[in-house]
Amino acid sequence: MNWLTNFRCIKVEITSHCNAKCPGCTRNITGGKNISNLDLSHMPFELWQRIMHEDTKDLNLQEVLFDGNVGDLLMHPRALDFIKTTVEAHPKIHIQVNTNGGARTEQFWTELGNYLKDIPHKFNFAIDGLEDTHHIHRRSTTYDVVVRNMKAFIDAGGQASWVYTLFDHNIHQQEEAEARAGELGCHWFQVRHSCIPGEDLYTKTDTEEYAISTDNIYDYDEKLELKKGIIKVDPIEFNNHSCSAFNERQIQIDFRGMLWPCSYIYATEVYNDKPLSVSPFYRKTDKIEDQPEMEHPRNKLNLHKHTLPEILTNDFFANQLPSAIENKRLNVCNKWCFN
């Protein structure tokens, strides 16, 4: 597993700040207060400039996905600069963004759409219902504001996807949402199942308490409908590998500047104020013989201290991680990819 020559996509979270309070999100407790050890900070823009202009200048980087386990791209004060420097360093890049769409002004979204109109891109707006249901899951965001921002983006030349997460309370509005997506000029309409079913979607704050049911969502199929013509983008050729991140030719960078093999392993670090006891880097079972526990990589993955090529060719990525994946020794891998 040569991670350096394999990857084609960087999945990056540039901030841990978010304007939403979705129940079940890693960042908060049942849709309320943030977890106590969440580091609220932004990635330094200078670090991203170096990664784009120096660390990856000779690599076959084809896509940057601005995503977030705990933060939303648009909460970074220099969000547009991050996108611009990515395109400046890699003119043929494909930009993809996952966002709740509830932050910033119409003017910002107009400027963003105008900048991206001739660049291959896709902005995925998470809109989980209509006026009376969207906010039930996407707490602290409102349908009207998100649609306003998305429309400003589309009208300026941006390509938007309405991403509709199914819950029992919004199933009946799916067809109406798809019709509105077409009227607004969305390029895609996506329906997906909630990945956080059951008790994790229980909301309890100082002022509210309710459960979000997902009992019936799997009666409905996931889909991605093309609503109008799009800029053609050559798809990344996948590998036939058991590791989903390696198969999708993707690596993950978090807002602190740590480089991870995937977002699943990175997510286990969000709660991790005691790395050696909460780390994903341990055996699956004590019954596995002659396989020492993995050492937590710590600063070996720190882009403030090492370049991206140095990290992807160090002992962790070259030896320890491939061995652990091959022998199914990481619980997080067994949970998400090998079950």
C-alpha atoms as a PDB file:
ATOM      1  CA  MET A   1       0.000   0.000   0.000  1.00  0.00           C
ATOM      2  CA  ASN A   2       1.854   3.027  -1.289  1.00  0.00           C
ATOM      3  CA  TRP A   3      -0.274   5.908  -0.016  1.00  0.00           C
ATOM      4  CA  LEU A   4       1.812   8.596  -1.689  1.00  0.00           C
ATOM      5  CA  THR A   5       1.494   7.287  -5.241  1.00  0.00           C
ATOM      6  CA  ASN A   6      -2.065   6.039  -4.727  1.00  0.00           C
ATOM      7  CA  PHE A   7      -4.045   9.031  -3.500  1.00  0.00           C
ATOM      8  CA  ARG A   8      -5.816  11.379  -5.908  1.00  0.00           C
ATOM      9  CA  CYS A   9      -8.157  13.180  -3.506  1.00  0.00           C
ATOM     10  CA  ILE A  10      -7.564  15.171  -0.319  1.00  0.00           C
ATOM     11  CA  LYS A  11     -10.491  15.312   2.070  1.00  0.00           C
ATOM     12  CA  VAL A  12      -9.905  18.285   4.345  1.00  0.00           C
ATOM     13  CA  GLU A  13     -11.618  19.911   7.311  1.00  0.00           C
ATOM     14  CA  ILE A  14     -10.299  23.460   7.672  1.00  0.00           C
ATOM     15  CA  THR A  15     -12.181  24.428  10.841  1.00  0.00           C
ATOM     16  CA  SER A  16     -13.833  22.891  13.893  1.00  0.00           C
ATOM     17  CA  HIS A  17     -16.410  25.688  14.080  1.00  0.00           C
ATOM     18  CA  CYS A  18     -19.980  25.017  12.950  1.00  0.00           C
ATOM     19  CA  ASN A  19     -23.179  27.045  12.961  1.00  0.00           C
ATOM     20  CA  ALA A  20     -25.426  23.974  13.316  1.00  0.00           C
ATOM     21  CA  LYS A  21     -26.232  21.729  16.278  1.00  0.00           C
ATOM     22  CA  CYS A  22     -27.307  18.455  14.697  1.00  0.00           C
ATOM     23  CA  PRO A  23     -28.079  15.714  17.236  1.00  0.00           C
ATOM     24  CA  GLY A  24     -25.722  12.778  16.857  1.00  0.00           C
ATOM     25  CA  CYS A  25     -22.879  14.971  15.576  1.00  0.00           C
ATOM     26  CA  THR A  26     -19.493  14.210  17.092  1.00  0.00           C
ATOM     27  CA  ARG A  27     -19.037  17.829  18.176  1.00  0.00           C
ATOM     28  CA  ASN A  28     -21.953  18.102  20.622  1.00  0.00           C
ATOM     29  CA  ILE A  29     -23.947  16.292  23.292  1.00  0.00           C
ATOM     30  CA  THR A  30     -27.448  15.388  22.034  1.00  0.00           C
ATOM     31  CA  GLY A  31     -27.702  18.524  19.934  1.00  0.00           C
ATOM     32  CA  GLY A  32     -26.705  20.845  22.755  1.00  0.00           C
ATOM     33  CA  LYS A  33     -23.410  21.844  24.339  1.00  0.00           C
ATOM     34  CA  ASN A  34     -20.109  21.051  22.655  1.00  0.00           C
ATOM     35  CA  ILE A  35     -18.082  18.152  24.018  1.00  0.00           C
ATOM     36  CA  SER A  36     -15.703  19.410  26.676  1.00  0.00           C
ATOM     37  CA  ASN A  37     -12.422  18.728  24.887  1.00  0.00           C
ATOM     38  CA  LEU A  38     -13.373  20.012  21.424  1.00  0.00           C
ATOM     39  CA  ASP A  39     -10.567  22.254  20.166  1.00  0.00           C
ATOM     40  CA  LEU A  40     -12.285  25.230  18.550  1.00  0.00           C
ATOM     41  CA  SER A  41      -9.825  26.516  15.992  1.00  0.00           C
ATOM     42  CA  HIS A  42      -9.180  27.162  12.304  1.00  0.00           C
ATOM     43  CA  MET A  43      -6.461  25.698  10.098  1.00  0.00           C
ATOM     44  CA  PRO A  44      -3.833  28.349   9.355  1.00  0.00           C
ATOM     45  CA  PHE A  45      -4.195  29.497   5.759  1.00  0.00           C
ATOM     46  CA  GLU A  46      -0.399  29.506   5.374  1.00  0.00           C
ATOM     47  CA  LEU A  47      -0.284  25.762   6.047  1.00  0.00           C
ATOM     48  CA  TRP A  48      -2.809  25.078   3.271  1.00  0.00           C
ATOM     49  CA  GLN A  49      -0.841  27.308   0.895  1.00  0.00           C
ATOM     50  CA  ARG A  50       2.267  25.216   1.517  1.00  0.00           C
ATOM     51  CA  ILE A  51       0.422  21.923   1.081  1.00  0.00           C
ATOM     52  CA  MET A  52      -1.095  23.017  -2.219  1.00  0.00           C
ATOM     53  CA  HIS A  53       1.848  24.918  -3.740  1.00  0.00           C
ATOM     54  CA  GLU A  54       4.769  22.866  -2.418  1.00  0.00           C
ATOM     55  CA  ASP A  55       3.837  19.482  -0.907  1.00  0.00           C
ATOM     56  CA  THR A  56       1.534  18.415  -3.767  1.00  0.00           C
ATOM     57  CA  LYS A  57       2.966  20.348  -6.710  1.00  0.00           C
ATOM     58  CA  ASP A  58       4.436  17.226  -8.369  1.00  0.00           C
ATOM     59  CA  LEU A  59       1.639  14.845  -7.369  1.00  0.00           C
ATOM     60  CA  ASN A  60      -1.385  13.739  -9.376  1.00  0.00           C
ATOM     61  CA  LEU A  61      -3.952  15.516  -7.211  1.00  0.00           C
ATOM     62  CA  GLN A  62      -7.338  15.510  -8.953  1.00  0.00           C
ATOM     63  CA  GLU A  63      -9.882  16.476  -6.321  1.00  0.00           C
ATOM     64  CA  VAL A  64     -10.141  18.350  -3.025  1.00  0.00           C
ATOM     65  CA  LEU A  65     -13.199  17.614  -0.903  1.00  0.00           C
ATOM     66  CA  PHE A  66     -13.854  20.253   1.752  1.00  0.00           C
ATOM     67  CA  ASP A  67     -15.787  18.324   4.376  1.00  0.00           C
ATOM     68  CA  GLY A  68     -16.163  18.270   8.129  1.00  0.00           C
ATOM     69  CA  ASN A  69     -16.471  15.757  10.940  1.00  0.00           C
ATOM     70  CA  VAL A  70     -17.035  18.605  13.393  1.00  0.00           C
ATOM     71  CA  GLY A  71     -16.825  21.844  11.371  1.00  0.00           C
ATOM     72  CA  ASP A  72     -18.246  23.536   8.271  1.00  0.00           C
ATOM     73  CA  LEU A  73     -15.968  25.102   5.641  1.00  0.00           C
ATOM     74  CA  LEU A  74     -17.960  28.329   5.534  1.00  0.00           C
ATOM     75  CA  MET A  75     -17.210  29.042   9.207  1.00  0.00           C
ATOM     76  CA  HIS A  76     -13.541  29.613   8.389  1.00  0.00           C
ATOM     77  CA  PRO A  77     -12.981  33.378   7.899  1.00  0.00           C
ATOM     78  CA  ARG A  78     -10.786  32.649   4.855  1.00  0.00           C
ATOM     79  CA  ALA A  79     -12.899  29.903   3.302  1.00  0.00           C
ATOM     80  CA  LEU A  80     -12.870  31.476  -0.159  1.00  0.00           C
ATOM     81  CA  ASP A  81      -9.089  31.905  -0.011  1.00  0.00           C
ATOM     82  CA  PHE A  82      -8.699  28.171   0.678  1.00  0.00           C
ATOM     83  CA  ILE A  83     -10.678  27.377  -2.474  1.00  0.00           C
ATOM     84  CA  LYS A  84      -8.826  29.960  -4.558  1.00  0.00           C
ATOM     85  CA  THR A  85      -5.338  28.794  -3.562  1.00  0.00           C
ATOM     86  CA  THR A  86      -6.365  25.183  -4.310  1.00  0.00           C
ATOM     87  CA  VAL A  87      -7.358  26.165  -7.852  1.00  0.00           C
ATOM     88  CA  GLU A  88      -4.299  28.397  -8.330  1.00  0.00           C
ATOM     89  CA  ALA A  89      -1.954  25.553  -7.368  1.00  0.00           C
ATOM     90  CA  HIS A  90      -3.869  22.871  -9.319  1.00  0.00           C
ATOM     91  CA  PRO A  91      -5.757  24.519 -12.222  1.00  0.00           C
ATOM     92  CA  LYS A  92      -7.374  21.247 -13.342  1.00  0.00           C
ATOM     93  CA  ILE A  93      -8.620  20.345  -9.862  1.00  0.00           C
ATOM     94  CA  HIS A  94     -12.193  19.329  -9.095  1.00  0.00           C
ATOM     95  CA  ILE A  95     -13.609  21.117  -6.025  1.00  0.00           C
ATOM     96  CA  GLN A  96     -16.304  19.444  -3.931  1.00  0.00           C
ATOM     97  CA  VAL A  97     -17.820  20.867  -0.740  1.00  0.00           C
ATOM     98  CA  ASN A  98     -20.208  19.427   1.844  1.00  0.00           C
ATOM     99  CA  THR A  99     -21.979  22.178   3.790  1.00  0.00           C
ATOM    100  CA  ASN A 100     -25.155  22.902   5.725  1.00  0.00           C
ATOM    101  CA  GLY A 101     -25.332  26.143   3.746  1.00  0.00           C
ATOM    102  CA  GLY A 102     -26.649  28.197   6.642  1.00  0.00           C
ATOM    103  CA  ALA A 103     -23.705  30.554   7.107  1.00  0.00           C
ATOM    104  CA  ARG A 104     -22.623  33.737   5.298  1.00  0.00           C
ATOM    105  CA  THR A 105     -24.509  36.358   3.297  1.00  0.00           C
ATOM    106  CA  GLU A 106     -26.087  36.285  -0.138  1.00  0.00           C
ATOM    107  CA  GLN A 107     -23.232  38.483  -1.341  1.00  0.00           C
ATOM    108  CA  PHE A 108     -20.663  35.916  -0.249  1.00  0.00           C
ATOM    109  CA  TRP A 109     -22.483  33.084  -2.020  1.00  0.00           C
ATOM    110  CA  THR A 110     -22.790  35.199  -5.166  1.00  0.00           C
ATOM    111  CA  GLU A 111     -19.046  35.880  -5.146  1.00  0.00           C
ATOM    112  CA  LEU A 112     -18.320  32.183  -4.586  1.00  0.00           C
ATOM    113  CA  GLY A 113     -20.606  31.047  -7.403  1.00  0.00           C
ATOM    114  CA  ASN A 114     -19.143  33.597  -9.771  1.00  0.00           C
ATOM    115  CA  TYR A 115     -15.586  32.458  -8.989  1.00  0.00           C
ATOM    116  CA  LEU A 116     -16.391  28.758  -9.480  1.00  0.00           C
ATOM    117  CA  LYS A 117     -18.654  28.995 -12.534  1.00  0.00           C
ATOM    118  CA  ASP A 118     -15.943  27.876 -14.989  1.00  0.00           C
ATOM    119  CA  ILE A 119     -14.196  25.459 -12.595  1.00  0.00           C
ATOM    120  CA  PRO A 120     -15.294  21.817 -12.164  1.00  0.00           C
ATOM    121  CA  HIS A 121     -17.058  21.766  -8.809  1.00  0.00           C
ATOM    122  CA  LYS A 122     -19.987  20.472  -6.805  1.00  0.00           C
ATOM    123  CA  PHE A 123     -21.469  22.046  -3.669  1.00  0.00           C
ATOM    124  CA  ASN A 124     -23.604  19.660  -1.611  1.00  0.00           C
ATOM    125  CA  PHE A 125     -26.185  21.550   0.475  1.00  0.00           C
ATOM    126  CA  ALA A 126     -27.652  19.470   3.318  1.00  0.00           C
ATOM    127  CA  ILE A 127     -31.359  20.367   3.321  1.00  0.00           C
ATOM    128  CA  ASP A 128     -33.289  17.789   5.328  1.00  0.00           C
ATOM    129  CA  GLY A 129     -36.876  18.745   4.624  1.00  0.00           C
ATOM    130  CA  LEU A 130     -38.924  21.862   3.925  1.00  0.00           C
ATOM    131  CA  GLU A 131     -39.894  24.962   5.948  1.00  0.00           C
ATOM    132  CA  ASP A 132     -41.531  22.964   8.744  1.00  0.00           C
ATOM    133  CA  THR A 133     -39.097  20.019   8.999  1.00  0.00           C
ATOM    134  CA  HIS A 134     -35.554  20.945   7.909  1.00  0.00           C
ATOM    135  CA  HIS A 135     -34.589  22.425  11.293  1.00  0.00           C
ATOM    136  CA  ILE A 136     -35.625  19.330  13.267  1.00  0.00           C
ATOM    137  CA  HIS A 137     -32.330  17.654  12.398  1.00  0.00           C
ATOM    138  CA  ARG A 138     -30.250  20.590  11.087  1.00  0.00           C
ATOM    139  CA  ARG A 139     -30.735  22.472  14.331  1.00  0.00           C
ATOM    140  CA  SER A 140     -29.784  26.179  14.436  1.00  0.00           C
ATOM    141  CA  THR A 141     -30.187  26.465  10.657  1.00  0.00           C
ATOM    142  CA  THR A 142     -33.346  27.532   8.838  1.00  0.00           C
ATOM    143  CA  TYR A 143     -34.729  26.350   5.523  1.00  0.00           C
ATOM    144  CA  ASP A 144     -35.311  29.862   4.183  1.00  0.00           C
ATOM    145  CA  VAL A 145     -31.719  31.016   4.826  1.00  0.00           C
ATOM    146  CA  VAL A 146     -30.135  27.878   3.340  1.00  0.00           C
ATOM    147  CA  VAL A 147     -32.306  28.055   0.208  1.00  0.00           C
ATOM    148  CA  ARG A 148     -31.565  31.778  -0.106  1.00  0.00           C
ATOM    149  CA  ASN A 149     -27.825  31.088  -0.024  1.00  0.00           C
ATOM    150  CA  MET A 150     -28.072  28.162  -2.413  1.00  0.00           C
ATOM    151  CA  LYS A 151     -30.117  30.197  -4.894  1.00  0.00           C
ATOM    152  CA  ALA A 152     -27.574  33.056  -4.807  1.00  0.00           C
ATOM    153  CA  PHE A 153     -24.818  30.531  -5.484  1.00  0.00           C
ATOM    154  CA  ILE A 154     -26.703  28.909  -8.385  1.00  0.00           C
ATOM    155  CA  ASP A 155     -27.758  32.218  -9.945  1.00  0.00           C
ATOM    156  CA  ALA A 156     -24.090  33.300 -10.025  1.00  0.00           C
ATOM    157  CA  GLY A 157     -23.050  30.129 -11.874  1.00  0.00           C
ATOM    158  CA  GLY A 158     -22.500  27.655  -9.038  1.00  0.00           C
ATOM    159  CA  GLN A 159     -23.385  23.978  -9.358  1.00  0.00           C
ATOM    160  CA  ALA A 160     -25.381  22.797  -6.339  1.00  0.00           C
ATOM    161  CA  SER A 161     -26.708  19.487  -5.114  1.00  0.00           C
ATOM    162  CA  TRP A 162     -29.651  19.323  -2.714  1.00  0.00           C
ATOM    163  CA  VAL A 163     -28.735  16.494  -0.302  1.00  0.00           C
ATOM    164  CA  TYR A 164     -31.828  15.168   1.459  1.00  0.00           C
ATOM    165  CA  THR A 165     -31.243  12.926   4.478  1.00  0.00           C
ATOM    166  CA  LEU A 166     -34.223  10.732   5.240  1.00  0.00           C
ATOM    167  CA  PHE A 167     -35.921  10.669   8.637  1.00  0.00           C
ATOM    168  CA  ASP A 168     -39.397   9.496   9.499  1.00  0.00           C
ATOM    169  CA  HIS A 169     -40.575  13.106   9.847  1.00  0.00           C
ATOM    170  CA  ASN A 170     -39.566  14.178   6.300  1.00  0.00           C
ATOM    171  CA  ILE A 171     -40.202  11.095   4.152  1.00  0.00           C
ATOM    172  CA  HIS A 172     -43.538  12.475   2.944  1.00  0.00           C
ATOM    173  CA  GLN A 173     -41.843  15.650   1.596  1.00  0.00           C
ATOM    174  CA  GLN A 174     -39.236  13.964  -0.578  1.00  0.00           C
ATOM    175  CA  GLU A 175     -41.046  14.446  -3.908  1.00  0.00           C
ATOM    176  CA  GLU A 176     -41.854  18.087  -3.148  1.00  0.00           C
ATOM    177  CA  ALA A 177     -38.208  18.740  -2.222  1.00  0.00           C
ATOM    178  CA  GLU A 178     -37.036  17.213  -5.497  1.00  0.00           C
ATOM    179  CA  ALA A 179     -39.436  19.389  -7.450  1.00  0.00           C
ATOM    180  CA  ARG A 180     -38.186  22.494  -5.676  1.00  0.00           C
ATOM    181  CA  ALA A 181     -34.575  21.495  -6.353  1.00  0.00           C
ATOM    182  CA  GLY A 182     -35.332  21.483 -10.068  1.00  0.00           C
ATOM    183  CA  GLU A 183     -37.088  24.841  -9.913  1.00  0.00           C
ATOM    184  CA  LEU A 184     -34.151  26.403  -8.046  1.00  0.00           C
ATOM    185  CA  GLY A 185     -31.684  25.184 -10.677  1.00  0.00           C
ATOM    186  CA  CYS A 186     -29.909  22.491  -8.667  1.00  0.00           C
ATOM    187  CA  HIS A 187     -27.750  20.198 -10.801  1.00  0.00           C
ATOM    188  CA  TRP A 188     -28.409  17.173  -8.583  1.00  0.00           C
ATOM    189  CA  PHE A 189     -30.921  15.918  -6.025  1.00  0.00           C
ATOM    190  CA  GLN A 190     -29.608  13.265  -3.643  1.00  0.00           C
ATOM    191  CA  VAL A 191     -31.610  11.118  -1.230  1.00  0.00           C
ATOM    192  CA  ARG A 192     -29.653   9.261   1.430  1.00  0.00           C
ATOM    193  CA  HIS A 193     -30.297   7.287   4.594  1.00  0.00           C
ATOM    194  CA  SER A 194     -29.267   8.653   7.954  1.00  0.00           C
ATOM    195  CA  CYS A 195     -25.974   7.097   9.074  1.00  0.00           C
ATOM    196  CA  ILE A 196     -26.746   7.779  12.743  1.00  0.00           C
ATOM    197  CA  PRO A 197     -29.874   5.752  13.518  1.00  0.00           C
ATOM    198  CA  GLY A 198     -31.604   5.094  16.820  1.00  0.00           C
ATOM    199  CA  GLU A 199     -30.817   6.618  20.178  1.00  0.00           C
ATOM    200  CA  ASP A 200     -27.935   8.761  18.836  1.00  0.00           C
ATOM    201  CA  LEU A 201     -30.578  11.023  17.286  1.00  0.00           C
ATOM    202  CA  TYR A 202     -32.094  11.860  20.652  1.00  0.00           C
ATOM    203  CA  THR A 203     -32.148  15.616  21.214  1.00  0.00           C
ATOM    204  CA  LYS A 204     -31.896  16.988  24.734  1.00  0.00           C
ATOM    205  CA  THR A 205     -30.881  20.551  25.552  1.00  0.00           C
ATOM    206  CA  ASP A 206     -31.780  23.073  28.245  1.00  0.00           C
ATOM    207  CA  THR A 207     -34.859  24.082  26.262  1.00  0.00           C
ATOM    208  CA  GLU A 208     -35.798  21.105  24.080  1.00  0.00           C
ATOM    209  CA  GLU A 209     -36.144  17.331  24.269  1.00  0.00           C
ATOM    210  CA  TYR A 210     -37.296  15.076  21.451  1.00  0.00           C
ATOM    211  CA  ALA A 211     -36.331  11.941  19.522  1.00  0.00           C
ATOM    212  CA  ILE A 212     -35.790  11.705  15.761  1.00  0.00           C
ATOM    213  CA  SER A 213     -37.108   8.397  14.496  1.00  0.00           C
ATOM    214  CA  THR A 214     -35.511   6.444  11.639  1.00  0.00           C
ATOM    215  CA  ASP A 215     -37.707   3.347  11.774  1.00  0.00           C
ATOM    216  CA  ASN A 216     -39.052   3.638   8.229  1.00  0.00           C
ATOM    217  CA  ILE A 217     -36.257   5.241   6.220  1.00  0.00           C
ATOM    218  CA  TYR A 218     -34.893   1.999   4.775  1.00  0.00           C
ATOM    219  CA  ASP A 219     -38.173   1.417   2.966  1.00  0.00           C
ATOM    220  CA  TYR A 220     -36.966   4.163   0.603  1.00  0.00           C
ATOM    221  CA  ASP A 221     -34.066   3.838  -1.823  1.00  0.00           C
ATOM    222  CA  GLU A 222     -31.060   6.127  -1.914  1.00  0.00           C
ATOM    223  CA  LYS A 223     -30.578   7.945  -5.204  1.00  0.00           C
ATOM    224  CA  LEU A 224     -28.696  10.714  -6.973  1.00  0.00           C
ATOM    225  CA  GLU A 225     -30.776  12.323  -9.725  1.00  0.00           C
ATOM    226  CA  LEU A 226     -29.245  14.547 -12.421  1.00  0.00           C
ATOM    227  CA  LYS A 227     -31.404  17.659 -12.712  1.00  0.00           C
ATOM    228  CA  LYS A 228     -29.504  19.541 -15.453  1.00  0.00           C
ATOM    229  CA  GLY A 229     -26.304  19.454 -17.517  1.00  0.00           C
ATOM    230  CA  ILE A 230     -23.017  19.613 -15.621  1.00  0.00           C
ATOM    231  CA  ILE A 231     -19.342  20.273 -16.283  1.00  0.00           C
ATOM    232  CA  LYS A 232     -17.739  16.977 -17.232  1.00  0.00           C
ATOM    233  CA  VAL A 233     -15.262  15.618 -14.683  1.00  0.00           C
ATOM    234  CA  ASP A 234     -13.150  12.530 -15.229  1.00  0.00           C
ATOM    235  CA  PRO A 235     -13.944  10.139 -12.359  1.00  0.00           C
ATOM    236  CA  ILE A 236     -11.154   8.915 -10.121  1.00  0.00           C
ATOM    237  CA  GLU A 237     -10.359   5.299 -10.891  1.00  0.00           C
ATOM    238  CA  PHE A 238     -10.945   3.213  -7.776  1.00  0.00           C
ATOM    239  CA  ASN A 239      -8.765   0.389  -6.527  1.00  0.00           C
ATOM    240  CA  ASN A 240     -10.005  -3.060  -5.657  1.00  0.00           C
ATOM    241  CA  HIS A 241      -8.967  -2.881  -2.022  1.00  0.00           C
ATOM    242  CA  SER A 242     -10.645  -3.698   1.286  1.00  0.00           C
ATOM    243  CA  CYS A 243      -9.651  -0.305   2.745  1.00  0.00           C
ATOM    244  CA  SER A 244     -12.330   2.104   1.500  1.00  0.00           C
ATOM    245  CA  ALA A 245     -10.087   5.184   1.729  1.00  0.00           C
ATOM    246  CA  PHE A 246      -7.264   3.510  -0.194  1.00  0.00           C
ATOM    247  CA  ASN A 247      -9.798   2.164  -2.675  1.00  0.00           C
ATOM    248  CA  GLU A 248     -11.197   5.685  -3.211  1.00  0.00           C
ATOM    249  CA  ARG A 249      -7.642   7.104  -3.453  1.00  0.00           C
ATOM    250  CA  GLN A 250      -8.323   9.506  -0.609  1.00  0.00           C
ATOM    251  CA  ILE A 251      -6.496  10.882   2.431  1.00  0.00           C
ATOM    252  CA  GLN A 252      -7.819  13.051   5.273  1.00  0.00           C
ATOM    253  CA  ILE A 253      -6.386  16.259   6.757  1.00  0.00           C
ATOM    254  CA  ASP A 254      -7.988  17.724   9.890  1.00  0.00           C
ATOM    255  CA  PHE A 255      -8.216  21.342  11.044  1.00  0.00           C
ATOM    256  CA  ARG A 256      -5.166  20.924  13.309  1.00  0.00           C
ATOM    257  CA  GLY A 257      -3.021  19.933  10.339  1.00  0.00           C
ATOM    258  CA  MET A 258      -2.907  16.211  11.136  1.00  0.00           C
ATOM    259  CA  LEU A 259      -2.881  13.807   8.175  1.00  0.00           C
ATOM    260  CA  TRP A 260      -4.973  10.641   8.607  1.00  0.00           C
ATOM    261  CA  PRO A 261      -5.662   7.672   6.331  1.00  0.00           C
ATOM    262  CA  CYS A 262      -9.423   8.305   6.514  1.00  0.00           C
ATOM    263  CA  SER A 263     -12.174  10.284   8.219  1.00  0.00           C
ATOM    264  CA  TYR A 264     -13.257   7.265  10.282  1.00  0.00           C
ATOM    265  CA  ILE A 265      -9.925   6.991  12.064  1.00  0.00           C
ATOM    266  CA  TYR A 266      -9.736  10.777  12.403  1.00  0.00           C
ATOM    267  CA  ALA A 267     -13.215  10.852  13.996  1.00  0.00           C
ATOM    268  CA  THR A 268     -12.027   8.631  16.854  1.00  0.00           C
ATOM    269  CA  GLU A 269      -9.516  11.365  17.730  1.00  0.00           C
ATOM    270  CA  VAL A 270     -12.158  14.065  18.289  1.00  0.00           C
ATOM    271  CA  TYR A 271     -13.025  12.692  21.713  1.00  0.00           C
ATOM    272  CA  ASN A 272      -9.434  11.746  22.323  1.00  0.00           C
ATOM    273  CA  ASP A 273      -7.935  13.728  25.203  1.00  0.00           C
ATOM    274  CA  LYS A 274      -5.962  10.643  26.287  1.00  0.00           C
ATOM    275  CA  PRO A 275      -4.587   9.196  23.030  1.00  0.00           C
ATOM    276  CA  LEU A 276      -3.098   5.991  24.410  1.00  0.00           C
ATOM    277  CA  SER A 277      -6.334   4.883  26.067  1.00  0.00           C
ATOM    278  CA  VAL A 278      -8.879   6.076  23.508  1.00  0.00           C
ATOM    279  CA  SER A 279      -6.842   5.655  20.358  1.00  0.00           C
ATOM    280  CA  PRO A 280      -7.996   3.492  17.423  1.00  0.00           C
ATOM    281  CA  PHE A 281      -4.463   2.119  17.190  1.00  0.00           C
ATOM    282  CA  TYR A 282      -4.783  -1.064  19.158  1.00  0.00           C
ATOM    283  CA  ARG A 283      -5.496  -4.742  18.629  1.00  0.00           C
ATOM    284  CA  LYS A 284      -8.917  -6.022  17.770  1.00  0.00           C
ATOM    285  CA  THR A 285      -8.544  -8.888  20.249  1.00  0.00           C
ATOM    286  CA  ASP A 286      -5.983 -10.280  22.664  1.00  0.00           C
ATOM    287  CA  LYS A 287      -6.306 -13.625  20.872  1.00  0.00           C
ATOM    288  CA  ILE A 288      -4.189 -12.331  17.986  1.00  0.00           C
ATOM    289  CA  GLU A 289      -0.705 -13.652  18.662  1.00  0.00           C
ATOM    290  CA  ASP A 290       2.687 -12.249  17.670  1.00  0.00           C
ATOM    291  CA  GLN A 291       1.285  -8.860  16.691  1.00  0.00           C
ATOM    292  CA  PRO A 292       2.401  -6.016  18.955  1.00  0.00           C
ATOM    293  CA  GLU A 293       0.035  -3.167  19.643  1.00  0.00           C
ATOM    294  CA  MET A 294       0.402  -0.223  17.296  1.00  0.00           C
ATOM    295  CA  GLU A 295       2.150   2.841  18.615  1.00  0.00           C
ATOM    296  CA  HIS A 296       0.026   5.985  18.338  1.00  0.00           C
ATOM    297  CA  PRO A 297       1.587   8.028  15.514  1.00  0.00           C
ATOM    298  CA  ARG A 298       1.110  11.377  17.284  1.00  0.00           C
ATOM    299  CA  ASN A 299       3.334  14.076  15.727  1.00  0.00           C
ATOM    300  CA  LYS A 300       4.484  11.729  12.982  1.00  0.00           C
ATOM    301  CA  LEU A 301       1.276  12.779  11.202  1.00  0.00           C
ATOM    302  CA  ASN A 302       1.655  16.502  11.913  1.00  0.00           C
ATOM    303  CA  LEU A 303       1.866  18.617   8.744  1.00  0.00           C
ATOM    304  CA  HIS A 304       3.213  21.535  10.753  1.00  0.00           C
ATOM    305  CA  LYS A 305       6.330  19.427  11.406  1.00  0.00           C
ATOM    306  CA  HIS A 306       6.536  17.245   8.276  1.00  0.00           C
ATOM    307  CA  THR A 307       5.652  17.572   4.603  1.00  0.00           C
ATOM    308  CA  LEU A 308       2.819  15.546   3.135  1.00  0.00           C
ATOM    309  CA  PRO A 309       5.181  13.236   1.163  1.00  0.00           C
ATOM    310  CA  GLU A 310       7.283  12.665   4.286  1.00  0.00           C
ATOM    311  CA  ILE A 311       4.244  11.545   6.262  1.00  0.00           C
ATOM    312  CA  LEU A 312       2.828   9.289   3.557  1.00  0.00           C
ATOM    313  CA  THR A 313       6.152   7.445   3.300  1.00  0.00           C
ATOM    314  CA  ASN A 314       6.978   7.195   7.019  1.00  0.00           C
ATOM    315  CA  ASP A 315       6.922   3.932   8.991  1.00  0.00           C
ATOM    316  CA  PHE A 316       3.300   4.367  10.051  1.00  0.00           C
ATOM    317  CA  PHE A 317       1.899   4.632   6.510  1.00  0.00           C
ATOM    318  CA  ALA A 318       4.465   2.342   4.887  1.00  0.00           C
ATOM    319  CA  ASN A 319       4.471  -0.525   7.415  1.00  0.00           C
ATOM    320  CA  GLN A 320       2.304  -0.280  10.531  1.00  0.00           C
ATOM    321  CA  LEU A 321      -0.969   0.778   8.908  1.00  0.00           C
ATOM    322  CA  PRO A 322      -0.867  -1.686   5.963  1.00  0.00           C
ATOM    323  CA  SER A 323      -0.138  -4.537   8.387  1.00  0.00           C
ATOM    324  CA  ALA A 324      -2.994  -3.519  10.682  1.00  0.00           C
ATOM    325  CA  ILE A 325      -5.428  -3.250   7.758  1.00  0.00           C
ATOM    326  CA  GLU A 326      -4.368  -6.588   6.280  1.00  0.00           C
ATOM    327  CA  ASN A 327      -4.774  -8.341   9.632  1.00  0.00           C
ATOM    328  CA  LYS A 328      -7.967  -6.463  10.589  1.00  0.00           C
ATOM    329  CA  ARG A 329      -6.465  -5.212  13.816  1.00  0.00           C
ATOM    330  CA  LEU A 330      -8.163  -1.815  14.049  1.00  0.00           C
ATOM    331  CA  ASN A 331     -11.605  -1.751  15.630  1.00  0.00           C
ATOM    332  CA  VAL A 332     -12.593   1.339  13.681  1.00  0.00           C
ATOM    333  CA  CYS A 333     -11.827  -0.429  10.380  1.00  0.00           C
ATOM    334  CA  ASN A 334     -13.715  -3.522  11.471  1.00  0.00           C
ATOM    335  CA  LYS A 335     -16.740  -1.399  12.373  1.00  0.00           C
ATOM    336  CA  TRP A 336     -17.012   0.656   9.188  1.00  0.00           C
ATOM    337  CA  CYS A 337     -15.260  -1.222   6.375  1.00  0.00           C
ATOM    338  CA  PHE A 338     -14.815  -4.879   7.243  1.00  0.00           C
ATOM    339  CA  ASN A 339     -18.184  -5.777   8.773  1.00  0.00           C
END
